[in-house]
Structures are given as structure tokens and as C-alpha cells.
Amino acid sequence: MCFDSFEKERFDAFEFIVLIPLPTRSMLLMIPAHDLIAMYLAIELQSLCFYVIAASKRKSEFSTEAGSKYLILGAFPSGILLFGCDRTTTDQFLETSL
């Protein structure tokens, strides 16, 4: 995101200081993840930040609608991923690939 677009769109939200680096850090947490739960937590942290960024324009009803749609539609794959992690016999990546 460019600072010029922030000035043009009049984003004065201080949350962007946290909401931009946090998904990046969660992507970096996925690299050393050796079990499925750590991978799931990193993906969820990243997606929750993106939901908030999508709904960050407070005066627009389209932005609020987009954030709520992403949250609802993101809950289904999250549940499916958790169900798949539960159905495996182990939580380690190395043991599931063999």
C-alpha cells in the first residue's frame, strides 16, 4: 500500500502501523512450522489481519460488507483445515509425508 493512496483516501487509522507488519510476521512464522497447529495459527493470524484491512474504511458500507463476507467465507476453510488436522494420526509434517 502506498502512502499517497492513504492521503488520497484519507486513511487516518493508526491500526495500519500494526496491521501491515503483523501478516508479514505470520507468513514468516509459517516457514519454521513443524506441526499443523503452528501452521494453522500462522494462517489464521494472517487472515484475521486481512479481514480487518478489508473493513478498514469506516464510512463505507461496501468496506464493512467486504470484511464481514471475508470473515464468514474464511471460517469455512478454517473449519475444514481444522477437521483435516484432527483426522490425521499425527500433528508432525515429517510423519504425515511418509
Protein backbone atom coordinates (compact mmCIF):
# COMPACT_ATOMS: atom_id res chain seq x y z
CA MET A 1 0.00 0.00 0.00
CA CYS A 2 1.28 3.38 -0.90
CA PHE A 3 1.28 6.41 1.37
CA ASP A 4 -0.08 8.54 -1.49
CA SER A 5 -3.21 6.43 -1.61
CA PHE A 6 -3.56 6.81 2.18
CA GLU A 7 -3.52 10.57 1.81
CA LYS A 8 -5.92 10.45 -1.13
CA GLU A 9 -8.37 8.14 0.63
CA ARG A 10 -7.92 9.96 3.96
CA PHE A 11 -6.93 6.90 5.99
CA ASP A 12 -6.05 8.32 9.36
CA ALA A 13 -6.26 5.00 11.15
CA PHE A 14 -3.35 4.19 13.39
CA GLU A 15 -4.11 0.47 13.10
CA PHE A 16 -2.18 0.24 9.87
CA ILE A 17 1.06 0.51 11.80
CA VAL A 18 0.21 -2.89 13.31
CA LEU A 19 -1.93 -4.42 10.58
CA ILE A 20 0.67 -4.29 7.83
CA PRO A 21 3.70 -5.89 9.59
CA LEU A 22 1.64 -8.48 11.51
CA PRO A 23 0.59 -10.56 8.46
CA THR A 24 4.16 -10.41 7.24
CA ARG A 25 5.40 -11.81 10.54
CA SER A 26 2.76 -14.52 10.47
CA MET A 27 3.94 -15.51 6.98
CA LEU A 28 7.43 -15.79 8.40
CA LEU A 29 6.06 -17.96 11.23
CA MET A 30 4.79 -20.47 8.68
CA ILE A 31 8.33 -21.18 7.48
CA PRO A 32 9.62 -22.90 10.66
CA ALA A 33 6.26 -24.55 11.47
CA HIS A 34 6.85 -28.25 12.05
CA ASP A 35 3.35 -29.14 13.15
CA LEU A 36 -0.11 -28.49 11.80
CA ILE A 37 -1.30 -26.36 14.73
CA ALA A 38 1.53 -23.85 14.32
CA MET A 39 0.74 -23.62 10.61
CA TYR A 40 -2.95 -23.11 11.36
CA LEU A 41 -2.28 -20.35 13.90
CA ALA A 42 0.01 -18.52 11.47
CA ILE A 43 -2.58 -18.71 8.69
CA GLU A 44 -5.36 -17.50 10.97
CA LEU A 45 -3.34 -14.57 12.29
CA GLN A 46 -2.61 -13.53 8.73
CA SER A 47 -6.20 -13.88 7.55
CA LEU A 48 -7.69 -12.00 10.51
CA CYS A 49 -5.43 -9.04 9.80
CA PHE A 50 -6.51 -9.08 6.17
CA TYR A 51 -10.20 -9.11 7.21
CA VAL A 52 -9.65 -6.01 9.31
CA ILE A 53 -7.76 -4.29 6.49
CA ALA A 54 -10.63 -5.08 4.10
CA ALA A 55 -13.12 -3.50 6.51
CA SER A 56 -10.93 -0.55 7.46
CA LYS A 57 -12.81 2.19 5.64
CA ARG A 58 -15.24 3.14 8.38
CA LYS A 59 -17.61 5.35 6.39
CA SER A 60 -18.13 2.93 3.50
CA GLU A 61 -20.80 0.26 3.73
CA PHE A 62 -19.05 -1.70 0.98
CA SER A 63 -15.95 -1.98 3.11
CA THR A 64 -17.92 -3.28 6.08
CA GLU A 65 -19.73 -5.73 3.83
CA ALA A 66 -16.45 -6.95 2.34
CA GLY A 67 -14.91 -7.50 5.76
CA SER A 68 -17.90 -9.47 7.01
CA LYS A 69 -18.04 -11.57 3.83
CA TYR A 70 -14.36 -12.40 4.11
CA LEU A 71 -14.83 -13.35 7.76
CA ILE A 72 -17.78 -15.64 7.05
CA LEU A 73 -16.24 -17.20 3.95
CA GLY A 74 -12.90 -17.61 5.74
CA ALA A 75 -14.49 -19.54 8.59
CA PHE A 76 -15.44 -22.46 6.34
CA PRO A 77 -11.93 -23.27 5.04
CA SER A 78 -10.60 -22.76 8.55
CA GLY A 79 -13.04 -25.34 9.87
CA ILE A 80 -12.20 -27.74 7.07
CA LEU A 81 -8.48 -27.33 7.77
CA LEU A 82 -9.02 -27.99 11.48
CA PHE A 83 -11.13 -31.04 10.67
CA GLY A 84 -8.38 -32.34 8.39
CA CYS A 85 -5.75 -31.74 11.06
CA ASP A 86 -7.90 -33.62 13.53
CA ARG A 87 -8.36 -36.60 11.22
CA THR A 88 -4.65 -37.16 10.73
CA THR A 89 -2.99 -39.53 13.13
CA THR A 90 -0.15 -37.16 13.94
CA ASP A 91 0.49 -33.46 14.03
CA GLN A 92 4.02 -33.53 12.60
CA PHE A 93 4.67 -32.69 8.94
CA LEU A 94 7.54 -35.15 8.59
CA GLU A 95 5.46 -38.08 9.74
CA THR A 96 2.45 -37.23 7.55
CA SER A 97 4.52 -37.12 4.34
CA LEU A 98 5.82 -40.68 4.75
